[in-house]
Amino acid sequence: MKVTKCQGREIIVRTSEDDERSFTFLEVMDRVDQLPDKYSCNSYFKERVYYLMTHEGEKIGFVLALAVKEMLRCCDKLTEDTFEIKESKKEIWFRDGTADVRNMKIAEIGRRLFERSSFRDIKGWRDERYAVWVKGLPYVLVERAMAGLLGITTYGVHVNGYVIDEASKEYKFWIPRRSAVKPTWPLMLDNIVAGGIGFPHGIHDTVIKESMEEATLSQEEIERSIRSAGVLSYMYFPQDIESVKFESESDFIVGEVEYIYDLKLSENIIPKPNDGEVDSFNLMNLQEIIDSIVRKEFKPNCALVMTDFLIRHGFITTENEPHYLQLVNRMHRKMPFPVRN
């Protein structure tokens, strides 16, 4: 994909090399979500994936059989007190109780898994809780490191930080490189600000908080320039369902809903690392962004957020993307469980 200019404006042109290798931005989508709509027809899914259920019978997550076994191994009585496991239906129901009781029990299961389990995800304990939303209310609060184990829907914010050169009208993007010590995706490229929405923070509150913490941007600058730009939704499952057997952590299925914001910065505003999660910020032009996406240098869902920006700002079009409609549709997947809003 080559960036050029047409009537003074930057555009992306599809090249013969793109055609030869059949390049499509669907490749970006496949790095985060390859779960087919008819996932429940897969034989290994039917055999080895339970539905997590509320005590009233509403589906709220996917729990692999191996995760059920691990909870029973690490804390059998507590697990049985918390859930009713319906083996024949492949369902695991929260037992009736108040939200406070559910929160207390699921937190204790998490702590025991952290101490006793060899699961990789649970070792990334954050002391940050995600809300599982049902009927507009938080049904249960789950430690962030347990999201994959329970297959719940998670929520986050992503901000595109960019500058438009007044003279050339060219776009440039402030792109952070993740810290080498990050437990996930170290040294990969990211969006200027990104973070999960931990309870009890709201969406806008999280944008402001993360912008100040991650990029050392002032609240005044953020609130003057930030613009809500929609939402992305997908099931994080970046593999061919026909090649997996749902018998390892890498087969966890997690719903992800990302609230997207654009932050147009003036040229004298320079973001700086603040909380240790960012190695450095670099100002990249449009061609560098495209090349980095193609070379898979972005964290997968951050590449998707950048792709969404390029669509919304008219850079990816029906002229240069052969699967434009399919791409846009897949970026806004209908989630299988209740969502926040």
Protein backbone atom coordinates (compact mmCIF):
# COMPACT_ATOMS: atom_id res chain seq x y z
CA MET A 1 0.00 0.00 0.00
CA LYS A 2 1.53 3.30 -1.10
CA VAL A 3 0.74 6.75 0.25
CA THR A 4 0.63 9.49 -2.37
CA LYS A 5 -1.18 12.79 -2.88
CA CYS A 6 -4.21 13.68 -4.93
CA GLN A 7 -5.33 17.32 -5.17
CA GLY A 8 -3.20 18.17 -2.15
CA ARG A 9 -4.59 15.39 0.04
CA GLU A 10 -2.93 12.17 1.14
CA ILE A 11 -4.48 8.98 -0.24
CA ILE A 12 -3.57 5.29 -0.13
CA VAL A 13 -3.07 3.52 -3.47
CA ARG A 14 -3.17 -0.22 -3.90
CA THR A 15 -0.06 -1.49 -5.67
CA SER A 16 0.58 -4.42 -7.98
CA GLU A 17 2.50 -6.08 -5.12
CA ASP A 18 -0.65 -5.89 -2.98
CA ASP A 19 -2.59 -7.64 -5.73
CA GLU A 20 0.08 -10.29 -6.21
CA ARG A 21 0.01 -11.28 -2.53
CA SER A 22 -3.77 -10.64 -2.28
CA PHE A 23 -3.25 -8.23 0.60
CA THR A 24 -6.34 -7.13 2.48
CA PHE A 25 -6.86 -5.37 5.79
CA LEU A 26 -8.93 -8.41 6.74
CA GLU A 27 -5.56 -9.78 7.81
CA VAL A 28 -5.65 -7.23 10.65
CA MET A 29 -9.11 -8.49 11.64
CA ASP A 30 -7.94 -12.10 11.58
CA ARG A 31 -5.23 -11.30 14.13
CA VAL A 32 -7.93 -10.62 16.72
CA ASP A 33 -11.05 -12.55 15.67
CA GLN A 34 -11.45 -15.68 13.58
CA LEU A 35 -14.32 -17.14 15.59
CA PRO A 36 -17.01 -18.11 13.05
CA ASP A 37 -20.65 -17.24 13.64
CA LYS A 38 -21.46 -20.96 13.85
CA TYR A 39 -18.80 -21.69 16.47
CA SER A 40 -21.26 -23.82 18.49
CA CYS A 41 -21.35 -26.38 15.66
CA ASN A 42 -17.71 -27.25 16.17
CA SER A 43 -17.43 -30.70 17.75
CA TYR A 44 -14.59 -29.79 20.14
CA PHE A 45 -16.44 -26.61 21.17
CA LYS A 46 -19.57 -28.63 22.00
CA GLU A 47 -17.53 -31.12 24.02
CA ARG A 48 -15.10 -28.82 25.84
CA VAL A 49 -16.65 -25.36 26.25
CA TYR A 50 -19.19 -24.54 28.97
CA TYR A 51 -21.46 -21.52 29.00
CA LEU A 52 -21.09 -19.35 32.11
CA MET A 53 -24.63 -18.56 33.32
CA THR A 54 -26.21 -16.14 35.75
CA HIS A 55 -28.34 -17.67 38.51
CA GLU A 56 -31.34 -16.67 36.39
CA GLY A 57 -30.10 -18.57 33.34
CA GLU A 58 -28.57 -15.86 31.13
CA LYS A 59 -25.37 -16.66 29.26
CA ILE A 60 -22.46 -14.36 30.18
CA GLY A 61 -19.27 -16.18 29.20
CA PHE A 62 -17.35 -19.14 27.79
CA VAL A 63 -15.49 -21.41 30.22
CA LEU A 64 -13.28 -24.15 28.84
CA ALA A 65 -13.59 -27.56 30.51
CA LEU A 66 -9.94 -27.35 31.47
CA ALA A 67 -10.68 -24.13 33.40
CA VAL A 68 -13.55 -25.81 35.26
CA LYS A 69 -11.22 -28.69 36.17
CA GLU A 70 -8.54 -26.26 37.33
CA MET A 71 -10.96 -24.37 39.58
CA LEU A 72 -12.09 -27.68 41.09
CA ARG A 73 -8.48 -28.81 41.56
CA CYS A 74 -7.39 -25.59 43.26
CA CYS A 75 -10.51 -24.95 45.34
CA ASP A 76 -13.10 -27.69 44.93
CA LYS A 77 -15.52 -26.84 47.76
CA LEU A 78 -15.43 -23.10 47.07
CA THR A 79 -16.04 -23.72 43.36
CA GLU A 80 -18.99 -25.97 44.14
CA ASP A 81 -20.37 -23.38 46.57
CA THR A 82 -20.07 -20.68 43.90
CA PHE A 83 -21.29 -22.60 40.85
CA GLU A 84 -23.70 -25.34 39.94
CA ILE A 85 -21.99 -27.34 37.21
CA LYS A 86 -24.48 -28.88 34.77
CA GLU A 87 -22.31 -31.34 32.92
CA SER A 88 -24.98 -32.66 30.55
CA LYS A 89 -25.84 -29.16 29.32
CA LYS A 90 -22.24 -27.91 29.40
CA GLU A 91 -23.27 -25.01 31.63
CA ILE A 92 -21.81 -23.56 34.81
CA TRP A 93 -24.35 -21.49 36.78
CA PHE A 94 -23.73 -18.96 39.49
CA ARG A 95 -25.73 -20.04 42.50
CA ASP A 96 -28.40 -17.65 43.72
CA GLY A 97 -27.01 -14.89 45.93
CA THR A 98 -26.36 -11.21 46.18
CA ALA A 99 -23.78 -9.42 44.06
CA ASP A 100 -21.60 -8.92 47.13
CA VAL A 101 -21.55 -12.67 47.78
CA ARG A 102 -20.74 -13.44 44.13
CA ASN A 103 -17.94 -10.87 44.14
CA MET A 104 -16.46 -12.23 47.34
CA LYS A 105 -16.51 -15.84 46.17
CA ILE A 106 -15.14 -15.19 42.68
CA ALA A 107 -12.37 -13.04 44.17
CA GLU A 108 -11.37 -15.87 46.50
CA ILE A 109 -11.36 -18.38 43.62
CA GLY A 110 -9.08 -15.98 41.75
CA ARG A 111 -6.69 -15.65 44.68
CA ARG A 112 -6.42 -19.40 45.10
CA LEU A 113 -5.83 -19.89 41.39
CA PHE A 114 -3.10 -17.24 41.54
CA GLU A 115 -1.41 -19.17 44.36
CA ARG A 116 -1.92 -22.72 43.11
CA SER A 117 -2.54 -22.76 39.35
CA SER A 118 0.02 -22.93 36.57
CA PHE A 119 -2.28 -20.96 34.23
CA ARG A 120 -0.26 -18.19 32.61
CA ASP A 121 -3.07 -15.64 32.50
CA ILE A 122 -3.83 -15.72 36.22
CA LYS A 123 -0.18 -14.89 37.01
CA GLY A 124 -0.75 -11.49 35.39
CA TRP A 125 -2.79 -10.39 38.43
CA ARG A 126 -3.68 -6.68 38.16
CA ASP A 127 -5.76 -5.92 41.27
CA GLU A 128 -8.24 -4.46 38.81
CA ARG A 129 -11.79 -5.72 38.46
CA TYR A 130 -13.90 -5.90 35.33
CA ALA A 131 -17.68 -5.73 35.58
CA VAL A 132 -19.85 -8.29 33.82
CA TRP A 133 -22.88 -6.25 32.79
CA VAL A 134 -26.40 -7.70 32.74
CA LYS A 135 -29.51 -5.56 32.27
CA GLY A 136 -27.46 -2.39 32.67
CA LEU A 137 -26.02 -3.41 36.05
CA PRO A 138 -22.74 -5.06 37.12
CA TYR A 139 -23.72 -8.68 37.80
CA VAL A 140 -20.31 -9.75 39.11
CA LEU A 141 -16.86 -8.16 39.38
CA VAL A 142 -14.02 -10.27 38.04
CA GLU A 143 -10.27 -9.78 38.49
CA ARG A 144 -8.86 -8.75 35.12
CA ALA A 145 -6.50 -11.73 35.01
CA MET A 146 -9.52 -14.07 35.17
CA ALA A 147 -11.24 -12.63 32.08
CA GLY A 148 -9.91 -15.33 29.75
CA LEU A 149 -10.58 -18.13 32.19
CA LEU A 150 -14.27 -17.13 32.47
CA GLY A 151 -14.60 -15.98 28.85
CA ILE A 152 -16.44 -12.78 29.79
CA THR A 153 -16.97 -9.64 27.73
CA THR A 154 -14.37 -6.97 28.58
CA TYR A 155 -14.34 -3.24 27.89
CA GLY A 156 -11.60 -0.75 27.10
CA VAL A 157 -10.81 2.65 25.61
CA HIS A 158 -8.39 3.37 22.77
CA VAL A 159 -7.31 6.83 21.67
CA ASN A 160 -5.79 7.78 18.30
CA GLY A 161 -3.43 10.71 18.82
CA TYR A 162 -2.58 12.58 15.63
CA VAL A 163 -1.33 15.87 14.21
CA ILE A 164 -2.13 17.47 10.85
CA ASP A 165 0.71 19.53 9.42
CA GLU A 166 -0.76 22.94 8.63
CA ALA A 167 1.44 23.48 5.57
CA SER A 168 1.46 20.05 3.92
CA LYS A 169 -1.89 18.79 5.32
CA GLU A 170 -0.14 15.50 6.03
CA TYR A 171 -1.24 13.28 8.92
CA LYS A 172 1.23 12.23 11.58
CA PHE A 173 0.53 9.95 14.52
CA TRP A 174 1.95 9.80 18.03
CA ILE A 175 2.68 6.10 18.47
CA PRO A 176 4.05 4.58 21.68
CA ARG A 177 6.28 1.53 21.82
CA ARG A 178 5.28 -0.70 24.70
CA SER A 179 7.73 -1.23 27.51
CA ALA A 180 10.05 -4.23 27.28
CA VAL A 181 8.83 -5.36 30.72
CA LYS A 182 5.14 -5.40 29.81
CA PRO A 183 3.76 -8.91 30.46
CA THR A 184 1.82 -8.79 27.18
CA TRP A 185 3.04 -7.71 23.73
CA PRO A 186 6.34 -6.11 24.93
CA LEU A 187 8.00 -3.60 22.56
CA MET A 188 5.11 -3.67 20.09
CA LEU A 189 3.50 -0.49 18.80
CA ASP A 190 0.34 0.78 20.49
CA ASN A 191 -2.22 3.58 20.33
CA ILE A 192 -1.30 6.83 22.10
CA VAL A 193 -3.61 5.83 24.98
CA ALA A 194 -5.30 2.50 25.68
CA GLY A 195 -6.62 0.84 28.79
CA GLY A 196 -9.25 -1.45 30.23
CA ILE A 197 -12.28 0.02 31.98
CA GLY A 198 -11.90 -1.16 35.54
CA PHE A 199 -14.81 -0.93 37.96
CA PRO A 200 -16.09 1.58 39.12
CA HIS A 201 -14.62 3.91 36.47
CA GLY A 202 -16.77 5.14 33.59
CA ILE A 203 -15.78 5.32 29.94
CA HIS A 204 -14.96 9.03 29.78
CA ASP A 205 -13.28 8.90 33.20
CA THR A 206 -11.02 6.11 31.93
CA VAL A 207 -10.06 8.13 28.84
CA ILE A 208 -8.98 11.08 30.99
CA LYS A 209 -7.22 8.92 33.59
CA GLU A 210 -5.32 6.80 31.07
CA SER A 211 -4.32 9.83 28.97
CA MET A 212 -2.78 11.51 31.99
CA GLU A 213 -1.15 8.31 33.28
CA GLU A 214 0.21 6.90 30.02
CA ALA A 215 1.05 9.95 27.94
CA THR A 216 1.46 12.78 30.50
CA LEU A 217 -1.20 14.83 28.75
CA SER A 218 -3.00 17.52 30.74
CA GLN A 219 -6.69 17.17 31.43
CA GLU A 220 -7.23 20.58 29.81
CA GLU A 221 -5.56 19.48 26.56
CA ILE A 222 -7.44 16.19 26.51
CA GLU A 223 -10.88 17.65 27.13
CA ARG A 224 -10.32 20.40 24.55
CA SER A 225 -9.39 18.00 21.76
CA ILE A 226 -10.86 14.55 22.49
CA ARG A 227 -13.69 13.31 20.28
CA SER A 228 -15.72 10.12 20.63
CA ALA A 229 -15.33 8.12 17.41
CA GLY A 230 -17.44 5.01 17.88
CA VAL A 231 -16.85 1.50 19.12
CA LEU A 232 -15.25 -1.76 17.95
CA SER A 233 -16.50 -5.17 19.06
CA TYR A 234 -15.05 -8.61 18.44
CA MET A 235 -14.39 -11.98 20.05
CA TYR A 236 -10.67 -12.32 20.74
CA PHE A 237 -9.91 -15.69 19.16
CA PRO A 238 -7.08 -15.22 16.63
CA GLN A 239 -6.93 -18.75 15.25
CA ASP A 240 -8.70 -21.13 12.91
CA ILE A 241 -11.32 -22.98 14.93
CA GLU A 242 -10.68 -26.10 12.86
CA SER A 243 -7.07 -26.22 14.11
CA VAL A 244 -7.82 -26.08 17.87
CA LYS A 245 -9.24 -28.56 20.36
CA PHE A 246 -10.12 -26.16 23.21
CA GLU A 247 -7.71 -27.84 25.56
CA SER A 248 -5.19 -25.07 26.30
CA GLU A 249 -5.12 -21.49 27.56
CA SER A 250 -4.46 -20.23 24.06
CA ASP A 251 -7.97 -21.41 23.16
CA PHE A 252 -9.74 -19.06 25.62
CA ILE A 253 -12.44 -16.89 24.01
CA VAL A 254 -12.85 -13.34 25.30
CA GLY A 255 -15.30 -10.71 24.09
CA GLU A 256 -13.76 -7.27 23.68
CA VAL A 257 -15.61 -3.97 23.30
CA GLU A 258 -13.34 -0.97 22.63
CA TYR A 259 -14.66 2.60 22.85
CA ILE A 260 -12.68 4.66 20.33
CA TYR A 261 -11.60 8.30 20.59
CA ASP A 262 -9.68 10.64 18.30
CA LEU A 263 -7.34 13.18 19.85
CA LYS A 264 -6.14 15.85 17.42
CA LEU A 265 -3.13 17.49 19.03
CA SER A 266 -1.43 20.77 18.25
CA GLU A 267 2.14 20.51 17.00
CA ASN A 268 3.62 21.81 20.25
CA ILE A 269 2.05 19.03 22.36
CA ILE A 270 4.46 16.13 22.86
CA PRO A 271 3.32 13.07 24.82
CA LYS A 272 5.82 11.61 27.29
CA PRO A 273 6.00 8.21 29.04
CA ASN A 274 4.81 8.41 32.61
CA ASP A 275 3.72 5.16 34.27
CA GLY A 276 6.40 2.76 33.01
CA GLU A 277 4.14 1.04 30.47
CA VAL A 278 5.57 2.94 27.49
CA ASP A 279 9.18 2.78 26.30
CA SER A 280 8.96 5.83 24.01
CA PHE A 281 6.67 7.91 21.79
CA ASN A 282 7.45 8.50 18.13
CA LEU A 283 5.77 10.69 15.53
CA MET A 284 5.05 8.51 12.49
CA ASN A 285 3.76 9.54 9.08
CA LEU A 286 0.95 7.76 7.25
CA GLN A 287 3.25 5.56 5.15
CA GLU A 288 5.10 4.41 8.27
CA ILE A 289 1.78 3.55 9.91
CA ILE A 290 0.65 1.48 6.91
CA ASP A 291 4.00 -0.31 6.68
CA SER A 292 3.97 -1.10 10.42
CA ILE A 293 0.47 -2.54 10.20
CA VAL A 294 1.46 -4.74 7.26
CA ARG A 295 4.63 -5.89 9.07
CA LYS A 296 2.57 -6.79 12.19
CA GLU A 297 4.50 -4.39 14.42
CA PHE A 298 1.36 -3.17 16.21
CA LYS A 299 -0.27 -5.00 19.09
CA PRO A 300 -3.09 -6.80 17.25
CA ASN A 301 -6.10 -4.89 18.59
CA CYS A 302 -4.20 -1.59 18.29
CA ALA A 303 -3.64 -2.34 14.60
CA LEU A 304 -7.41 -2.80 14.36
CA VAL A 305 -8.00 0.58 16.04
CA MET A 306 -5.59 2.21 13.56
CA THR A 307 -7.37 0.48 10.67
CA ASP A 308 -10.68 1.85 11.96
CA PHE A 309 -9.16 5.37 12.00
CA LEU A 310 -7.98 4.96 8.42
CA ILE A 311 -11.47 3.89 7.34
CA ARG A 312 -13.25 6.72 9.15
CA HIS A 313 -10.86 9.36 7.79
CA GLY A 314 -11.22 8.16 4.22
CA PHE A 315 -7.84 6.51 3.69
CA ILE A 316 -9.06 2.91 3.41
CA THR A 317 -11.84 2.90 0.82
CA THR A 318 -13.70 0.63 -1.56
CA GLU A 319 -11.06 1.55 -4.16
CA ASN A 320 -8.06 0.13 -2.28
CA GLU A 321 -9.65 -2.54 -0.03
CA PRO A 322 -11.23 -5.44 -1.94
CA HIS A 323 -13.19 -6.65 1.11
CA TYR A 324 -14.29 -3.27 2.43
CA LEU A 325 -17.85 -4.17 3.49
CA GLN A 326 -16.83 -7.46 5.09
CA LEU A 327 -14.07 -5.68 6.99
CA VAL A 328 -16.36 -2.98 8.36
CA ASN A 329 -19.00 -5.53 9.34
CA ARG A 330 -16.53 -7.76 11.17
CA MET A 331 -15.17 -4.82 13.16
CA HIS A 332 -18.62 -4.36 14.71
CA ARG A 333 -19.57 -7.87 15.73
CA LYS A 334 -22.81 -8.56 17.58
CA MET A 335 -21.72 -9.94 20.93
CA PRO A 336 -23.23 -13.24 22.13
CA PHE A 337 -23.73 -12.01 25.71
CA PRO A 338 -25.30 -8.94 27.38
CA VAL A 339 -23.23 -5.78 26.97
CA ARG A 340 -22.73 -2.58 28.92
CA ASN A 341 -24.49 -0.19 26.53
